[in-house]
Structures are given as C-alpha cells and as structure tokens.
Amino acid sequence: MKPIVELDRLPGEGPPLNPHTPYLSFGISGDDAVLWGRSAESPVKIPASQIWLKPAESGTAPCAVGDTKSEKR
C-alpha cells in the first residue's frame, strides 16, 4: 500500500496508517479500501482513490517491509 497524497492529508478511520508496514487488504467497500495491519486491533479504512494497492510479489515472499532479515534473502 502506498499513499498518493501526503500522510497528514490522508483521511480515514482506524489506527494510524504506516506505509512502511504490510497490510492485508479486504478489498474496497463503498469508496474505502479496508486494510488490516498485523498489530492493529481494528481495520483501517481509507479512501481508495487516495492510495495505491500493490499486490504481493508471490505467496512465498516475506511480508516484513523494511525487515533487514527478509531483505537479505
């Protein structure tokens, strides 16, 4: 997931969005993308027109973006 606007201008509901963390997408509901972070207690809802959803490269790729262990593989 990558915001296409500045983070401080990104409206939404739920916990703060961290673009350096992987999220599971539950798709689009109405005009919102519904995302779940691994440490979140509730979903993040963000206007779908304000973010770019990038699919995982493969089902075997690690999800830890910025994790030095997974980058060395």
PDB file of N, CA and C in Angstrom:
ATOM      1  N   MET A   1       0.845  -1.156   0.000  1.00  0.00           N
ATOM      2  CA  MET A   1       0.000   0.000   0.000  1.00  0.00           C
ATOM      3  C   MET A   1       0.896   1.226   0.000  1.00  0.00           C
ATOM      4  N   LYS A   2       0.551   2.170  -0.850  1.00  0.00           N
ATOM      5  CA  LYS A   2       1.313   3.419  -0.921  1.00  0.00           C
ATOM      6  C   LYS A   2       0.330   4.577  -1.068  1.00  0.00           C
ATOM      7  N   PRO A   3       0.389   5.558  -0.146  1.00  0.00           N
ATOM      8  CA  PRO A   3      -0.485   6.721  -0.284  1.00  0.00           C
ATOM      9  C   PRO A   3      -0.075   7.550  -1.497  1.00  0.00           C
ATOM     10  N   ILE A   4      -1.046   8.147  -2.173  1.00  0.00           N
ATOM     11  CA  ILE A   4      -0.717   9.025  -3.301  1.00  0.00           C
ATOM     12  C   ILE A   4      -0.895  10.488  -2.914  1.00  0.00           C
ATOM     13  N   VAL A   5      -1.182  10.731  -1.644  1.00  0.00           N
ATOM     14  CA  VAL A   5      -1.228  12.081  -1.073  1.00  0.00           C
ATOM     15  C   VAL A   5      -0.346  12.072   0.178  1.00  0.00           C
ATOM     16  N   GLU A   6      -0.028  13.258   0.679  1.00  0.00           N
ATOM     17  CA  GLU A   6       0.749  13.360   1.918  1.00  0.00           C
ATOM     18  C   GLU A   6       0.003  12.642   3.044  1.00  0.00           C
ATOM     19  N   LEU A   7       0.739  11.937   3.917  1.00  0.00           N
ATOM     20  CA  LEU A   7       0.103  11.205   5.009  1.00  0.00           C
ATOM     21  C   LEU A   7      -0.754  12.102   5.893  1.00  0.00           C
ATOM     22  N   ASP A   8      -0.304  13.325   6.153  1.00  0.00           N
ATOM     23  CA  ASP A   8      -1.092  14.205   7.020  1.00  0.00           C
ATOM     24  C   ASP A   8      -2.366  14.715   6.339  1.00  0.00           C
ATOM     25  N   ARG A   9      -2.501  14.495   5.035  1.00  0.00           N
ATOM     26  CA  ARG A   9      -3.717  14.883   4.306  1.00  0.00           C
ATOM     27  C   ARG A   9      -4.591  13.671   3.979  1.00  0.00           C
ATOM     28  N   LEU A  10      -4.192  12.500   4.438  1.00  0.00           N
ATOM     29  CA  LEU A  10      -4.906  11.262   4.129  1.00  0.00           C
ATOM     30  C   LEU A  10      -6.012  11.023   5.155  1.00  0.00           C
ATOM     31  N   PRO A  11      -7.282  11.167   4.751  1.00  0.00           N
ATOM     32  CA  PRO A  11      -8.370  10.913   5.692  1.00  0.00           C
ATOM     33  C   PRO A  11      -8.560   9.411   5.876  1.00  0.00           C
ATOM     34  N   GLY A  12      -9.214   9.041   6.939  1.00  0.00           N
ATOM     35  CA  GLY A  12      -9.502   7.634   7.148  1.00  0.00           C
ATOM     36  C   GLY A  12     -10.011   7.365   8.545  1.00  0.00           C
ATOM     37  N   GLU A  13     -10.327   6.096   8.782  1.00  0.00           N
ATOM     38  CA  GLU A  13     -10.815   5.644  10.083  1.00  0.00           C
ATOM     39  C   GLU A  13      -9.915   4.528  10.572  1.00  0.00           C
ATOM     40  N   GLY A  14      -9.767   4.444  11.882  1.00  0.00           N
ATOM     41  CA  GLY A  14      -8.992   3.365  12.468  1.00  0.00           C
ATOM     42  C   GLY A  14      -7.618   3.825  12.904  1.00  0.00           C
ATOM     43  N   PRO A  15      -6.735   2.861  13.181  1.00  0.00           N
ATOM     44  CA  PRO A  15      -5.399   3.202  13.665  1.00  0.00           C
ATOM     45  C   PRO A  15      -4.603   3.980  12.618  1.00  0.00           C
ATOM     46  N   PRO A  16      -3.570   4.715  13.057  1.00  0.00           N
ATOM     47  CA  PRO A  16      -2.747   5.468  12.107  1.00  0.00           C
ATOM     48  C   PRO A  16      -2.125   4.548  11.058  1.00  0.00           C
ATOM     49  N   LEU A  17      -2.050   5.032   9.858  1.00  0.00           N
ATOM     50  CA  LEU A  17      -1.502   4.263   8.745  1.00  0.00           C
ATOM     51  C   LEU A  17       0.013   4.412   8.705  1.00  0.00           C
ATOM     52  N   ASN A  18       0.715   3.304   8.536  1.00  0.00           N
ATOM     53  CA  ASN A  18       2.169   3.313   8.380  1.00  0.00           C
ATOM     54  C   ASN A  18       2.478   2.708   7.019  1.00  0.00           C
ATOM     55  N   PRO A  19       2.871   3.513   6.022  1.00  0.00           N
ATOM     56  CA  PRO A  19       3.095   2.983   4.676  1.00  0.00           C
ATOM     57  C   PRO A  19       4.290   2.039   4.566  1.00  0.00           C
ATOM     58  N   HIS A  20       5.096   1.938   5.629  1.00  0.00           N
ATOM     59  CA  HIS A  20       6.251   1.042   5.613  1.00  0.00           C
ATOM     60  C   HIS A  20       5.921  -0.318   6.215  1.00  0.00           C
ATOM     61  N   THR A  21       4.666  -0.514   6.575  1.00  0.00           N
ATOM     62  CA  THR A  21       4.209  -1.766   7.163  1.00  0.00           C
ATOM     63  C   THR A  21       3.287  -2.477   6.179  1.00  0.00           C
ATOM     64  N   PRO A  22       3.410  -3.797   6.046  1.00  0.00           N
ATOM     65  CA  PRO A  22       2.492  -4.505   5.145  1.00  0.00           C
ATOM     66  C   PRO A  22       1.084  -4.580   5.747  1.00  0.00           C
ATOM     67  N   TYR A  23       0.095  -4.525   4.883  1.00  0.00           N
ATOM     68  CA  TYR A  23      -1.305  -4.626   5.285  1.00  0.00           C
ATOM     69  C   TYR A  23      -1.986  -5.701   4.448  1.00  0.00           C
ATOM     70  N   LEU A  24      -2.945  -6.361   5.056  1.00  0.00           N
ATOM     71  CA  LEU A  24      -3.810  -7.290   4.349  1.00  0.00           C
ATOM     72  C   LEU A  24      -5.003  -6.484   3.857  1.00  0.00           C
ATOM     73  N   SER A  25      -5.311  -6.584   2.581  1.00  0.00           N
ATOM     74  CA  SER A  25      -6.442  -5.850   2.022  1.00  0.00           C
ATOM     75  C   SER A  25      -7.679  -6.735   2.002  1.00  0.00           C
ATOM     76  N   PHE A  26      -8.779  -6.190   2.495  1.00  0.00           N
ATOM     77  CA  PHE A  26     -10.066  -6.869   2.420  1.00  0.00           C
ATOM     78  C   PHE A  26     -10.884  -6.329   1.258  1.00  0.00           C
ATOM     79  N   GLY A  27     -10.209  -5.591   0.369  1.00  0.00           N
ATOM     80  CA  GLY A  27     -10.867  -5.067  -0.815  1.00  0.00           C
ATOM     81  C   GLY A  27     -11.450  -3.686  -0.583  1.00  0.00           C
ATOM     82  N   ILE A  28     -12.336  -3.314  -1.492  1.00  0.00           N
ATOM     83  CA  ILE A  28     -12.958  -1.999  -1.466  1.00  0.00           C
ATOM     84  C   ILE A  28     -14.401  -2.148  -0.990  1.00  0.00           C
ATOM     85  N   SER A  29     -14.783  -1.323  -0.028  1.00  0.00           N
ATOM     86  CA  SER A  29     -16.149  -1.303   0.482  1.00  0.00           C
ATOM     87  C   SER A  29     -16.672   0.113   0.290  1.00  0.00           C
ATOM     88  N   GLY A  30     -17.608   0.275  -0.635  1.00  0.00           N
ATOM     89  CA  GLY A  30     -18.053   1.620  -0.988  1.00  0.00           C
ATOM     90  C   GLY A  30     -16.917   2.332  -1.697  1.00  0.00           C
ATOM     91  N   ASP A  31     -16.457   3.430  -1.135  1.00  0.00           N
ATOM     92  CA  ASP A  31     -15.329   4.174  -1.697  1.00  0.00           C
ATOM     93  C   ASP A  31     -14.043   3.950  -0.915  1.00  0.00           C
ATOM     94  N   ASP A  32     -14.084   3.098   0.124  1.00  0.00           N
ATOM     95  CA  ASP A  32     -12.938   2.911   1.009  1.00  0.00           C
ATOM     96  C   ASP A  32     -12.224   1.588   0.788  1.00  0.00           C
ATOM     97  N   ALA A  33     -10.893   1.642   0.884  1.00  0.00           N
ATOM     98  CA  ALA A  33     -10.092   0.424   0.955  1.00  0.00           C
ATOM     99  C   ALA A  33     -10.081   0.013   2.424  1.00  0.00           C
ATOM    100  N   VAL A  34     -10.287  -1.262   2.687  1.00  0.00           N
ATOM    101  CA  VAL A  34     -10.303  -1.772   4.053  1.00  0.00           C
ATOM    102  C   VAL A  34      -9.044  -2.608   4.235  1.00  0.00           C
ATOM    103  N   LEU A  35      -8.184  -2.168   5.155  1.00  0.00           N
ATOM    104  CA  LEU A  35      -6.881  -2.792   5.372  1.00  0.00           C
ATOM    105  C   LEU A  35      -6.750  -3.244   6.817  1.00  0.00           C
ATOM    106  N   TRP A  36      -5.917  -4.268   7.032  1.00  0.00           N
ATOM    107  CA  TRP A  36      -5.662  -4.758   8.381  1.00  0.00           C
ATOM    108  C   TRP A  36      -4.165  -4.910   8.550  1.00  0.00           C
ATOM    109  N   GLY A  37      -3.633  -4.274   9.590  1.00  0.00           N
ATOM    110  CA  GLY A  37      -2.219  -4.408   9.928  1.00  0.00           C
ATOM    111  C   GLY A  37      -2.042  -5.495  10.963  1.00  0.00           C
ATOM    112  N   ARG A  38      -0.885  -6.110  10.996  1.00  0.00           N
ATOM    113  CA  ARG A  38      -0.684  -7.244  11.901  1.00  0.00           C
ATOM    114  C   ARG A  38      -0.759  -6.862  13.373  1.00  0.00           C
ATOM    115  N   SER A  39      -0.492  -5.608  13.730  1.00  0.00           N
ATOM    116  CA  SER A  39      -0.573  -5.208  15.132  1.00  0.00           C
ATOM    117  C   SER A  39      -1.840  -4.402  15.436  1.00  0.00           C
ATOM    118  N   ALA A  40      -2.722  -4.283  14.467  1.00  0.00           N
ATOM    119  CA  ALA A  40      -3.935  -3.476  14.644  1.00  0.00           C
ATOM    120  C   ALA A  40      -5.012  -4.253  15.383  1.00  0.00           C
ATOM    121  N   GLU A  41      -5.805  -3.520  16.143  1.00  0.00           N
ATOM    122  CA  GLU A  41      -6.954  -4.118  16.819  1.00  0.00           C
ATOM    123  C   GLU A  41      -8.240  -3.873  16.051  1.00  0.00           C
ATOM    124  N   SER A  42      -8.152  -3.029  15.021  1.00  0.00           N
ATOM    125  CA  SER A  42      -9.313  -2.738  14.185  1.00  0.00           C
ATOM    126  C   SER A  42      -8.823  -2.425  12.774  1.00  0.00           C
ATOM    127  N   PRO A  43      -9.704  -2.526  11.784  1.00  0.00           N
ATOM    128  CA  PRO A  43      -9.279  -2.257  10.403  1.00  0.00           C
ATOM    129  C   PRO A  43      -9.029  -0.774  10.159  1.00  0.00           C
ATOM    130  N   VAL A  44      -8.249  -0.500   9.140  1.00  0.00           N
ATOM    131  CA  VAL A  44      -8.008   0.857   8.670  1.00  0.00           C
ATOM    132  C   VAL A  44      -8.877   1.037   7.433  1.00  0.00           C
ATOM    133  N   LYS A  45      -9.649   2.112   7.400  1.00  0.00           N
ATOM    134  CA  LYS A  45     -10.490   2.417   6.237  1.00  0.00           C
ATOM    135  C   LYS A  45     -10.005   3.730   5.647  1.00  0.00           C
ATOM    136  N   ILE A  46      -9.586   3.679   4.383  1.00  0.00           N
ATOM    137  CA  ILE A  46      -9.011   4.840   3.713  1.00  0.00           C
ATOM    138  C   ILE A  46      -9.671   4.986   2.352  1.00  0.00           C
ATOM    139  N   PRO A  47      -9.936   6.218   1.906  1.00  0.00           N
ATOM    140  CA  PRO A  47     -10.498   6.391   0.567  1.00  0.00           C
ATOM    141  C   PRO A  47      -9.616   5.700  -0.480  1.00  0.00           C
ATOM    142  N   ALA A  48     -10.203   4.805  -1.234  1.00  0.00           N
ATOM    143  CA  ALA A  48      -9.447   4.024  -2.222  1.00  0.00           C
ATOM    144  C   ALA A  48      -8.791   4.911  -3.273  1.00  0.00           C
ATOM    145  N   SER A  49      -9.363   6.068  -3.523  1.00  0.00           N
ATOM    146  CA  SER A  49      -8.793   6.971  -4.525  1.00  0.00           C
ATOM    147  C   SER A  49      -7.522   7.659  -4.031  1.00  0.00           C
ATOM    148  N   GLN A  50      -7.193   7.487  -2.751  1.00  0.00           N
ATOM    149  CA  GLN A  50      -6.045   8.173  -2.158  1.00  0.00           C
ATOM    150  C   GLN A  50      -4.846   7.256  -1.919  1.00  0.00           C
ATOM    151  N   ILE A  51      -4.983   5.970  -2.260  1.00  0.00           N
ATOM    152  CA  ILE A  51      -3.871   5.033  -2.057  1.00  0.00           C
ATOM    153  C   ILE A  51      -3.693   4.150  -3.284  1.00  0.00           C
ATOM    154  N   TRP A  52      -2.518   3.568  -3.377  1.00  0.00           N
ATOM    155  CA  TRP A  52      -2.199   2.601  -4.424  1.00  0.00           C
ATOM    156  C   TRP A  52      -1.962   1.272  -3.732  1.00  0.00           C
ATOM    157  N   LEU A  53      -2.734   0.257  -4.093  1.00  0.00           N
ATOM    158  CA  LEU A  53      -2.577  -1.068  -3.505  1.00  0.00           C
ATOM    159  C   LEU A  53      -1.662  -1.898  -4.389  1.00  0.00           C
ATOM    160  N   LYS A  54      -0.543  -2.309  -3.843  1.00  0.00           N
ATOM    161  CA  LYS A  54       0.433  -3.114  -4.582  1.00  0.00           C
ATOM    162  C   LYS A  54       0.307  -4.558  -4.116  1.00  0.00           C
ATOM    163  N   PRO A  55       0.029  -5.483  -5.037  1.00  0.00           N
ATOM    164  CA  PRO A  55      -0.080  -6.886  -4.637  1.00  0.00           C
ATOM    165  C   PRO A  55       1.279  -7.453  -4.242  1.00  0.00           C
ATOM    166  N   ALA A  56       1.258  -8.477  -3.416  1.00  0.00           N
ATOM    167  CA  ALA A  56       2.493  -9.170  -3.047  1.00  0.00           C
ATOM    168  C   ALA A  56       3.109  -9.774  -4.297  1.00  0.00           C
ATOM    169  N   GLU A  57       4.439  -9.835  -4.324  1.00  0.00           N
ATOM    170  CA  GLU A  57       5.120 -10.381  -5.496  1.00  0.00           C
ATOM    171  C   GLU A  57       4.857 -11.872  -5.661  1.00  0.00           C
ATOM    172  N   SER A  58       4.761 -12.586  -4.542  1.00  0.00           N
ATOM    173  CA  SER A  58       4.441 -14.013  -4.604  1.00  0.00           C
ATOM    174  C   SER A  58       3.903 -14.447  -3.247  1.00  0.00           C
ATOM    175  N   GLY A  59       3.312 -15.609  -3.216  1.00  0.00           N
ATOM    176  CA  GLY A  59       2.801 -16.137  -1.959  1.00  0.00           C
ATOM    177  C   GLY A  59       3.887 -16.602  -1.022  1.00  0.00           C
ATOM    178  N   THR A  60       5.104 -16.733  -1.524  1.00  0.00           N
ATOM    179  CA  THR A  60       6.211 -17.173  -0.679  1.00  0.00           C
ATOM    180  C   THR A  60       7.100 -16.022  -0.239  1.00  0.00           C
ATOM    181  N   ALA A  61       6.830 -14.805  -0.720  1.00  0.00           N
ATOM    182  CA  ALA A  61       7.637 -13.644  -0.342  1.00  0.00           C
ATOM    183  C   ALA A  61       7.319 -13.238   1.092  1.00  0.00           C
ATOM    184  N   PRO A  62       8.332 -12.825   1.864  1.00  0.00           N
ATOM    185  CA  PRO A  62       8.063 -12.364   3.226  1.00  0.00           C
ATOM    186  C   PRO A  62       7.305 -11.043   3.197  1.00  0.00           C
ATOM    187  N   CYS A  63       6.519 -10.790   4.223  1.00  0.00           N
ATOM    188  CA  CYS A  63       5.708  -9.575   4.282  1.00  0.00           C
ATOM    189  C   CYS A  63       6.394  -8.428   4.993  1.00  0.00           C
ATOM    190  N   ALA A  64       7.474  -8.677   5.680  1.00  0.00           N
ATOM    191  CA  ALA A  64       8.106  -7.650   6.515  1.00  0.00           C
ATOM    192  C   ALA A  64       8.853  -6.634   5.664  1.00  0.00           C
ATOM    193  N   VAL A  65       8.194  -5.549   5.317  1.00  0.00           N
ATOM    194  CA  VAL A  65       8.818  -4.463   4.567  1.00  0.00           C
ATOM    195  C   VAL A  65       9.774  -3.750   5.503  1.00  0.00           C
ATOM    196  N   GLY A  66      11.012  -3.556   5.055  1.00  0.00           N
ATOM    197  CA  GLY A  66      11.995  -2.880   5.879  1.00  0.00           C
ATOM    198  C   GLY A  66      12.679  -3.784   6.877  1.00  0.00           C
ATOM    199  N   ASP A  67      12.316  -5.041   6.940  1.00  0.00           N
ATOM    200  CA  ASP A  67      12.957  -6.007   7.824  1.00  0.00           C
ATOM    201  C   ASP A  67      14.260  -6.435   7.176  1.00  0.00           C
ATOM    202  N   THR A  68      15.382  -6.156   7.814  1.00  0.00           N
ATOM    203  CA  THR A  68      16.682  -6.445   7.209  1.00  0.00           C
ATOM    204  C   THR A  68      16.892  -7.932   6.990  1.00  0.00           C
ATOM    205  N   LYS A  69      16.289  -8.766   7.818  1.00  0.00           N
ATOM    206  CA  LYS A  69      16.433 -10.212   7.623  1.00  0.00           C
ATOM    207  C   LYS A  69      15.800 -10.647   6.308  1.00  0.00           C
ATOM    208  N   SER A  70      14.602 -10.136   6.012  1.00  0.00           N
ATOM    209  CA  SER A  70      13.928 -10.540   4.781  1.00  0.00           C
ATOM    210  C   SER A  70      14.566  -9.894   3.560  1.00  0.00           C
ATOM    211  N   GLU A  71      15.210  -8.726   3.712  1.00  0.00           N
ATOM    212  CA  GLU A  71      15.853  -8.078   2.579  1.00  0.00           C
ATOM    213  C   GLU A  71      17.132  -8.789   2.171  1.00  0.00           C
ATOM    214  N   LYS A  72      17.747  -9.514   3.099  1.00  0.00           N
ATOM    215  CA  LYS A  72      18.996 -10.208   2.799  1.00  0.00           C
ATOM    216  C   LYS A  72      18.768 -11.528   2.086  1.00  0.00           C
ATOM    217  N   ARG A  73      17.535 -12.007   2.050  1.00  0.00           N
ATOM    218  CA  ARG A  73      17.242 -13.303   1.417  1.00  0.00           C
ATOM    219  C   ARG A  73      17.416 -13.249  -0.066  1.00  0.00           C
TER     220      ARG A  73
END
